[in-house]
PDB file of N, CA and C in Angstrom:
ATOM      1  N   MET A   1      56.245  -3.742 -30.489  1.00  0.00           N
ATOM      2  CA  MET A   1      55.147  -3.732 -31.466  1.00  0.00           C
ATOM      3  C   MET A   1      55.367  -5.011 -32.302  1.00  0.00           C
ATOM      4  N   ASN A   2      54.275  -5.877 -32.308  1.00  0.00           N
ATOM      5  CA  ASN A   2      54.217  -7.147 -32.817  1.00  0.00           C
ATOM      6  C   ASN A   2      53.643  -6.895 -34.281  1.00  0.00           C
ATOM      7  N   ILE A   3      54.337  -6.995 -35.303  1.00  0.00           N
ATOM      8  CA  ILE A   3      53.715  -6.741 -36.644  1.00  0.00           C
ATOM      9  C   ILE A   3      52.848  -7.809 -36.803  1.00  0.00           C
ATOM     10  N   TRP A   4      52.982  -8.849 -36.638  1.00  0.00           N
ATOM     11  CA  TRP A   4      51.862  -9.981 -36.949  1.00  0.00           C
ATOM     12  C   TRP A   4      50.383  -9.495 -36.251  1.00  0.00           C
ATOM     13  N   LYS A   5      50.645  -9.260 -35.019  1.00  0.00           N
ATOM     14  CA  LYS A   5      49.240  -8.797 -34.371  1.00  0.00           C
ATOM     15  C   LYS A   5      48.583  -7.705 -35.038  1.00  0.00           C
ATOM     16  N   THR A   6      49.397  -6.711 -35.531  1.00  0.00           N
ATOM     17  CA  THR A   6      48.792  -5.687 -36.173  1.00  0.00           C
ATOM     18  C   THR A   6      48.230  -5.950 -37.385  1.00  0.00           C
ATOM     19  N   PHE A   7      48.895  -6.771 -38.076  1.00  0.00           N
ATOM     20  CA  PHE A   7      48.603  -7.263 -39.538  1.00  0.00           C
ATOM     21  C   PHE A   7      47.211  -8.154 -39.182  1.00  0.00           C
ATOM     22  N   ASP A   8      47.398  -8.813 -38.238  1.00  0.00           N
ATOM     23  CA  ASP A   8      46.027  -9.704 -38.065  1.00  0.00           C
ATOM     24  C   ASP A   8      44.895  -8.667 -37.535  1.00  0.00           C
ATOM     25  N   ARG A   9      45.077  -7.767 -36.980  1.00  0.00           N
ATOM     26  CA  ARG A   9      44.097  -7.010 -36.408  1.00  0.00           C
ATOM     27  C   ARG A   9      43.245  -6.334 -37.845  1.00  0.00           C
ATOM     28  N   LEU A  10      44.226  -6.062 -38.432  1.00  0.00           N
ATOM     29  CA  LEU A  10      43.659  -4.839 -39.946  1.00  0.00           C
ATOM     30  C   LEU A  10      42.976  -5.972 -40.981  1.00  0.00           C
ATOM     31  N   MET A  11      43.349  -7.419 -40.859  1.00  0.00           N
ATOM     32  CA  MET A  11      42.813  -8.265 -41.586  1.00  0.00           C
ATOM     33  C   MET A  11      41.222  -8.878 -41.277  1.00  0.00           C
ATOM     34  N   GLN A  12      40.823  -8.511 -39.900  1.00  0.00           N
ATOM     35  CA  GLN A  12      39.604  -9.086 -39.531  1.00  0.00           C
ATOM     36  C   GLN A  12      38.520  -8.128 -39.947  1.00  0.00           C
ATOM     37  N   THR A  13      37.721  -8.755 -40.508  1.00  0.00           N
ATOM     38  CA  THR A  13      36.539  -8.002 -41.109  1.00  0.00           C
ATOM     39  C   THR A  13      35.313  -8.344 -40.448  1.00  0.00           C
ATOM     40  N   GLY A  14      35.266  -9.348 -39.724  1.00  0.00           N
ATOM     41  CA  GLY A  14      33.832  -9.606 -38.988  1.00  0.00           C
ATOM     42  C   GLY A  14      33.049 -10.711 -39.646  1.00  0.00           C
ATOM     43  N   GLY A  15      31.856 -10.944 -39.374  1.00  0.00           N
ATOM     44  CA  GLY A  15      30.867 -11.859 -40.161  1.00  0.00           C
ATOM     45  C   GLY A  15      30.600 -11.207 -41.671  1.00  0.00           C
ATOM     46  N   PRO A  16      29.822 -12.318 -42.256  1.00  0.00           N
ATOM     47  CA  PRO A  16      29.278 -11.821 -43.697  1.00  0.00           C
ATOM     48  C   PRO A  16      28.555 -10.668 -43.700  1.00  0.00           C
ATOM     49  N   ARG A  17      28.467  -9.895 -44.709  1.00  0.00           N
ATOM     50  CA  ARG A  17      27.508  -8.983 -44.771  1.00  0.00           C
ATOM     51  C   ARG A  17      26.199  -9.162 -45.836  1.00  0.00           C
ATOM     52  N   PHE A  18      25.133  -8.521 -45.456  1.00  0.00           N
ATOM     53  CA  PHE A  18      23.777  -8.924 -46.004  1.00  0.00           C
ATOM     54  C   PHE A  18      23.243  -7.576 -46.309  1.00  0.00           C
ATOM     55  N   ILE A  19      22.512  -7.681 -47.281  1.00  0.00           N
ATOM     56  CA  ILE A  19      21.480  -6.629 -47.585  1.00  0.00           C
ATOM     57  C   ILE A  19      20.148  -6.949 -47.085  1.00  0.00           C
ATOM     58  N   GLY A  20      19.340  -6.006 -46.466  1.00  0.00           N
ATOM     59  CA  GLY A  20      18.106  -6.231 -45.766  1.00  0.00           C
ATOM     60  C   GLY A  20      17.180  -4.897 -46.000  1.00  0.00           C
ATOM     61  N   GLU A  21      15.946  -5.364 -45.876  1.00  0.00           N
ATOM     62  CA  GLU A  21      14.912  -4.462 -46.002  1.00  0.00           C
ATOM     63  C   GLU A  21      14.298  -4.295 -44.618  1.00  0.00           C
ATOM     64  N   VAL A  22      13.985  -3.259 -44.058  1.00  0.00           N
ATOM     65  CA  VAL A  22      13.649  -3.076 -42.687  1.00  0.00           C
ATOM     66  C   VAL A  22      11.957  -3.058 -42.898  1.00  0.00           C
ATOM     67  N   THR A  23      11.476  -4.228 -42.000  1.00  0.00           N
ATOM     68  CA  THR A  23       9.898  -4.353 -42.168  1.00  0.00           C
ATOM     69  C   THR A  23       9.318  -3.933 -40.771  1.00  0.00           C
ATOM     70  N   ALA A  24      10.162  -3.918 -39.704  1.00  0.00           N
ATOM     71  CA  ALA A  24       9.608  -3.253 -38.432  1.00  0.00           C
ATOM     72  C   ALA A  24      10.425  -2.382 -37.595  1.00  0.00           C
ATOM     73  N   VAL A  25      10.111  -1.135 -36.822  1.00  0.00           N
ATOM     74  CA  VAL A  25      11.002  -0.559 -36.252  1.00  0.00           C
ATOM     75  C   VAL A  25      10.575  -0.479 -34.625  1.00  0.00           C
ATOM     76  N   ASN A  26      11.514  -0.853 -33.478  1.00  0.00           N
ATOM     77  CA  ASN A  26      11.174  -0.457 -32.348  1.00  0.00           C
ATOM     78  C   ASN A  26      12.065   0.069 -31.608  1.00  0.00           C
ATOM     79  N   THR A  27      11.826   1.254 -31.051  1.00  0.00           N
ATOM     80  CA  THR A  27      12.718   2.219 -30.322  1.00  0.00           C
ATOM     81  C   THR A  27      12.331   2.350 -28.893  1.00  0.00           C
ATOM     82  N   SER A  28      12.128   1.330 -28.065  1.00  0.00           N
ATOM     83  CA  SER A  28      11.725   1.103 -26.848  1.00  0.00           C
ATOM     84  C   SER A  28      13.046   1.229 -26.069  1.00  0.00           C
ATOM     85  N   PHE A  29      13.070   1.769 -24.985  1.00  0.00           N
ATOM     86  CA  PHE A  29      14.240   2.003 -23.888  1.00  0.00           C
ATOM     87  C   PHE A  29      15.534   2.649 -24.674  1.00  0.00           C
ATOM     88  N   GLY A  30      15.247   3.521 -25.417  1.00  0.00           N
ATOM     89  CA  GLY A  30      16.166   4.517 -26.117  1.00  0.00           C
ATOM     90  C   GLY A  30      17.212   3.788 -27.180  1.00  0.00           C
ATOM     91  N   ASP A  31      16.916   2.091 -27.219  1.00  0.00           N
ATOM     92  CA  ASP A  31      17.737   1.717 -28.281  1.00  0.00           C
ATOM     93  C   ASP A  31      16.733   1.460 -29.463  1.00  0.00           C
ATOM     94  N   VAL A  32      17.405   1.712 -30.700  1.00  0.00           N
ATOM     95  CA  VAL A  32      16.763   1.402 -32.113  1.00  0.00           C
ATOM     96  C   VAL A  32      17.178   0.099 -32.546  1.00  0.00           C
ATOM     97  N   ARG A  33      16.061  -0.680 -32.516  1.00  0.00           N
ATOM     98  CA  ARG A  33      16.118  -1.994 -32.852  1.00  0.00           C
ATOM     99  C   ARG A  33      14.869  -2.205 -34.048  1.00  0.00           C
ATOM    100  N   CYS A  34      15.245  -3.012 -34.944  1.00  0.00           N
ATOM    101  CA  CYS A  34      14.378  -3.290 -36.175  1.00  0.00           C
ATOM    102  C   CYS A  34      14.566  -4.527 -36.743  1.00  0.00           C
ATOM    103  N   THR A  35      13.423  -5.069 -37.254  1.00  0.00           N
ATOM    104  CA  THR A  35      13.441  -6.284 -37.835  1.00  0.00           C
ATOM    105  C   THR A  35      13.583  -6.057 -39.185  1.00  0.00           C
ATOM    106  N   VAL A  36      14.653  -6.924 -39.860  1.00  0.00           N
ATOM    107  CA  VAL A  36      14.964  -6.790 -41.457  1.00  0.00           C
ATOM    108  C   VAL A  36      14.779  -8.116 -42.035  1.00  0.00           C
ATOM    109  N   THR A  37      14.196  -8.004 -43.091  1.00  0.00           N
ATOM    110  CA  THR A  37      14.089  -9.310 -43.828  1.00  0.00           C
ATOM    111  C   THR A  37      15.354  -9.260 -44.756  1.00  0.00           C
ATOM    112  N   LEU A  38      16.021 -10.171 -44.881  1.00  0.00           N
ATOM    113  CA  LEU A  38      17.425 -10.451 -45.496  1.00  0.00           C
ATOM    114  C   LEU A  38      16.940 -10.718 -47.265  1.00  0.00           C
ATOM    115  N   LEU A  39      17.849 -10.355 -48.313  1.00  0.00           N
ATOM    116  CA  LEU A  39      17.434 -10.128 -49.438  1.00  0.00           C
ATOM    117  C   LEU A  39      18.519 -10.883 -50.104  1.00  0.00           C
ATOM    118  N   PRO A  40      18.224 -11.856 -51.001  1.00  0.00           N
ATOM    119  CA  PRO A  40      17.186 -12.345 -51.395  1.00  0.00           C
ATOM    120  C   PRO A  40      16.293 -13.575 -50.927  1.00  0.00           C
ATOM    121  N   GLY A  41      16.864 -13.968 -49.827  1.00  0.00           N
ATOM    122  CA  GLY A  41      16.289 -15.362 -49.197  1.00  0.00           C
ATOM    123  C   GLY A  41      15.079 -14.895 -48.425  1.00  0.00           C
ATOM    124  N   GLY A  42      14.795 -13.611 -47.690  1.00  0.00           N
ATOM    125  CA  GLY A  42      13.430 -13.766 -46.997  1.00  0.00           C
ATOM    126  C   GLY A  42      13.595 -14.014 -45.587  1.00  0.00           C
ATOM    127  N   THR A  43      14.812 -14.445 -45.042  1.00  0.00           N
ATOM    128  CA  THR A  43      15.037 -14.669 -43.677  1.00  0.00           C
ATOM    129  C   THR A  43      14.835 -13.453 -42.840  1.00  0.00           C
ATOM    130  N   SER A  44      13.925 -13.331 -41.612  1.00  0.00           N
ATOM    131  CA  SER A  44      13.935 -12.407 -40.957  1.00  0.00           C
ATOM    132  C   SER A  44      14.684 -12.417 -39.652  1.00  0.00           C
ATOM    133  N   ILE A  45      15.448 -11.154 -39.423  1.00  0.00           N
ATOM    134  CA  ILE A  45      16.299 -11.050 -38.149  1.00  0.00           C
ATOM    135  C   ILE A  45      16.046  -9.922 -37.803  1.00  0.00           C
ATOM    136  N   GLU A  46      16.642  -9.678 -36.349  1.00  0.00           N
ATOM    137  CA  GLU A  46      16.552  -8.253 -35.403  1.00  0.00           C
ATOM    138  C   GLU A  46      17.893  -7.631 -35.351  1.00  0.00           C
ATOM    139  N   VAL A  47      18.038  -6.586 -35.777  1.00  0.00           N
ATOM    140  CA  VAL A  47      19.463  -6.149 -35.633  1.00  0.00           C
ATOM    141  C   VAL A  47      19.269  -4.475 -35.049  1.00  0.00           C
ATOM    142  N   THR A  48      20.343  -4.083 -34.471  1.00  0.00           N
ATOM    143  CA  THR A  48      20.613  -2.966 -33.929  1.00  0.00           C
ATOM    144  C   THR A  48      20.690  -1.778 -34.997  1.00  0.00           C
ATOM    145  N   ALA A  49      20.156  -0.695 -34.721  1.00  0.00           N
ATOM    146  CA  ALA A  49      20.296   0.438 -35.662  1.00  0.00           C
ATOM    147  C   ALA A  49      20.465   1.788 -34.991  1.00  0.00           C
ATOM    148  N   ASN A  50      21.474   1.898 -33.792  1.00  0.00           N
ATOM    149  CA  ASN A  50      21.631   2.952 -32.885  1.00  0.00           C
ATOM    150  C   ASN A  50      22.207   4.149 -33.530  1.00  0.00           C
ATOM    151  N   GLY A  51      21.802   5.140 -33.696  1.00  0.00           N
ATOM    152  CA  GLY A  51      22.361   6.364 -34.188  1.00  0.00           C
ATOM    153  C   GLY A  51      21.873   6.711 -35.760  1.00  0.00           C
ATOM    154  N   ARG A  52      20.901   5.996 -36.097  1.00  0.00           N
ATOM    155  CA  ARG A  52      20.337   5.741 -37.456  1.00  0.00           C
ATOM    156  C   ARG A  52      18.840   6.312 -37.359  1.00  0.00           C
ATOM    157  N   SER A  53      18.675   6.796 -38.331  1.00  0.00           N
ATOM    158  CA  SER A  53      17.070   7.112 -38.634  1.00  0.00           C
ATOM    159  C   SER A  53      16.554   6.170 -39.660  1.00  0.00           C
ATOM    160  N   VAL A  54      15.758   4.906 -39.014  1.00  0.00           N
ATOM    161  CA  VAL A  54      15.375   3.947 -40.082  1.00  0.00           C
ATOM    162  C   VAL A  54      13.899   3.877 -40.323  1.00  0.00           C
ATOM    163  N   GLU A  55      13.458   3.443 -41.583  1.00  0.00           N
ATOM    164  CA  GLU A  55      12.090   3.737 -41.809  1.00  0.00           C
ATOM    165  C   GLU A  55      11.735   2.533 -42.737  1.00  0.00           C
ATOM    166  N   ILE A  56      10.424   1.729 -42.344  1.00  0.00           N
ATOM    167  CA  ILE A  56      10.251   0.793 -43.082  1.00  0.00           C
ATOM    168  C   ILE A  56      10.340   0.777 -44.490  1.00  0.00           C
ATOM    169  N   GLY A  57      10.777  -0.176 -45.090  1.00  0.00           N
ATOM    170  CA  GLY A  57      10.994  -0.034 -46.416  1.00  0.00           C
ATOM    171  C   GLY A  57      12.520   0.167 -46.997  1.00  0.00           C
ATOM    172  N   GLN A  58      13.272   0.645 -45.978  1.00  0.00           N
ATOM    173  CA  GLN A  58      14.709   0.964 -46.593  1.00  0.00           C
ATOM    174  C   GLN A  58      15.522  -0.224 -46.580  1.00  0.00           C
ATOM    175  N   HIS A  59      16.350  -0.166 -47.345  1.00  0.00           N
ATOM    176  CA  HIS A  59      17.451  -1.289 -47.402  1.00  0.00           C
ATOM    177  C   HIS A  59      18.757  -0.788 -46.861  1.00  0.00           C
ATOM    178  N   TRP A  60      19.266  -1.712 -45.905  1.00  0.00           N
ATOM    179  CA  TRP A  60      20.578  -1.515 -45.412  1.00  0.00           C
ATOM    180  C   TRP A  60      21.724  -2.517 -45.406  1.00  0.00           C
ATOM    181  N   LEU A  61      22.747  -2.288 -45.214  1.00  0.00           N
ATOM    182  CA  LEU A  61      23.690  -3.325 -45.171  1.00  0.00           C
ATOM    183  C   LEU A  61      23.679  -4.039 -43.781  1.00  0.00           C
ATOM    184  N   ILE A  62      23.988  -5.130 -43.459  1.00  0.00           N
ATOM    185  CA  ILE A  62      23.823  -5.588 -42.213  1.00  0.00           C
ATOM    186  C   ILE A  62      25.017  -6.552 -42.033  1.00  0.00           C
ATOM    187  N   GLN A  63      25.830  -6.556 -40.685  1.00  0.00           N
ATOM    188  CA  GLN A  63      26.881  -7.295 -40.511  1.00  0.00           C
ATOM    189  C   GLN A  63      26.789  -7.269 -39.113  1.00  0.00           C
ATOM    190  N   ASP A  64      27.092  -8.697 -38.350  1.00  0.00           N
ATOM    191  CA  ASP A  64      27.132  -9.059 -37.102  1.00  0.00           C
ATOM    192  C   ASP A  64      26.043  -8.427 -36.308  1.00  0.00           C
ATOM    193  N   GLY A  65      24.859  -8.443 -36.842  1.00  0.00           N
ATOM    194  CA  GLY A  65      23.467  -8.010 -35.813  1.00  0.00           C
ATOM    195  C   GLY A  65      23.506  -6.419 -35.974  1.00  0.00           C
ATOM    196  N   GLN A  66      24.257  -5.675 -36.725  1.00  0.00           N
ATOM    197  CA  GLN A  66      24.058  -4.268 -36.601  1.00  0.00           C
ATOM    198  C   GLN A  66      23.968  -3.792 -38.166  1.00  0.00           C
ATOM    199  N   ILE A  67      23.241  -2.571 -38.195  1.00  0.00           N
ATOM    200  CA  ILE A  67      23.161  -1.815 -39.533  1.00  0.00           C
ATOM    201  C   ILE A  67      24.567  -1.218 -39.430  1.00  0.00           C
ATOM    202  N   ILE A  68      25.286  -1.265 -40.754  1.00  0.00           N
ATOM    203  CA  ILE A  68      26.623  -0.813 -40.998  1.00  0.00           C
ATOM    204  C   ILE A  68      26.664   0.161 -41.901  1.00  0.00           C
ATOM    205  N   GLY A  69      25.686   0.286 -43.010  1.00  0.00           N
ATOM    206  CA  GLY A  69      25.634   1.344 -43.820  1.00  0.00           C
ATOM    207  C   GLY A  69      24.499   1.114 -44.955  1.00  0.00           C
ATOM    208  N   ASP A  70      24.137   2.261 -45.844  1.00  0.00           N
ATOM    209  CA  ASP A  70      23.330   2.035 -46.821  1.00  0.00           C
ATOM    210  C   ASP A  70      23.410   1.222 -47.854  1.00  0.00           C
ATOM    211  N   ALA A  71      22.529   0.449 -48.371  1.00  0.00           N
ATOM    212  CA  ALA A  71      22.824  -0.544 -49.244  1.00  0.00           C
ATOM    213  C   ALA A  71      22.225  -0.070 -50.453  1.00  0.00           C
ATOM    214  N   PRO A  72      22.920  -0.504 -51.634  1.00  0.00           N
ATOM    215  CA  PRO A  72      22.428  -0.148 -52.724  1.00  0.00           C
ATOM    216  C   PRO A  72      20.743  -0.579 -53.196  1.00  0.00           C
ATOM    217  N   SER A  73      20.379   0.371 -53.918  1.00  0.00           N
ATOM    218  CA  SER A  73      18.822   0.497 -54.290  1.00  0.00           C
ATOM    219  C   SER A  73      18.794  -0.658 -55.502  1.00  0.00           C
ATOM    220  N   GLY A  74      17.684  -1.250 -55.682  1.00  0.00           N
ATOM    221  CA  GLY A  74      17.611  -2.260 -56.864  1.00  0.00           C
ATOM    222  C   GLY A  74      17.411  -3.766 -56.549  1.00  0.00           C
ATOM    223  N   THR A  75      17.280  -4.407 -57.454  1.00  0.00           N
ATOM    224  CA  THR A  75      17.102  -6.033 -57.340  1.00  0.00           C
ATOM    225  C   THR A  75      18.324  -6.597 -56.556  1.00  0.00           C
ATOM    226  N   VAL A  76      18.113  -7.539 -55.900  1.00  0.00           N
ATOM    227  CA  VAL A  76      19.215  -8.232 -55.131  1.00  0.00           C
ATOM    228  C   VAL A  76      18.897  -9.695 -55.814  1.00  0.00           C
ATOM    229  N   ILE A  77      20.220 -10.096 -56.491  1.00  0.00           N
ATOM    230  CA  ILE A  77      20.181 -11.688 -56.941  1.00  0.00           C
ATOM    231  C   ILE A  77      21.254 -12.398 -56.130  1.00  0.00           C
ATOM    232  N   ASN A  78      21.069 -13.778 -56.248  1.00  0.00           N
ATOM    233  CA  ASN A  78      22.118 -14.665 -55.732  1.00  0.00           C
ATOM    234  C   ASN A  78      22.763 -15.517 -56.789  1.00  0.00           C
ATOM    235  N   VAL A  79      23.980 -15.341 -56.693  1.00  0.00           N
ATOM    236  CA  VAL A  79      24.636 -16.089 -57.985  1.00  0.00           C
ATOM    237  C   VAL A  79      25.714 -16.903 -57.354  1.00  0.00           C
ATOM    238  N   ASP A  80      25.832 -18.470 -57.660  1.00  0.00           N
ATOM    239  CA  ASP A  80      26.680 -19.368 -57.095  1.00  0.00           C
ATOM    240  C   ASP A  80      27.742 -19.305 -58.054  1.00  0.00           C
ATOM    241  N   ILE A  81      28.986 -19.343 -57.682  1.00  0.00           N
ATOM    242  CA  ILE A  81      30.070 -19.289 -58.738  1.00  0.00           C
ATOM    243  C   ILE A  81      30.797 -20.803 -58.233  1.00  0.00           C
TER     244      ILE A  81
END
């Protein structure tokens, strides 16, 4: 057992997380894919939403091209630190 490899695997979190609003849903070929507008920037991307019931207008957390969970409702702002 390599302790460093175990620690490194635990620390990998993937790419950045975004909040997005669903603007279109496509369920062709059994895959649920949707177009999401990232908030507050307005950039549109297509993400996978397998195993989830998505509807236009919902807010979701997006990471690595996938919906990973519910996003908080309310206004999204961008703050520079």
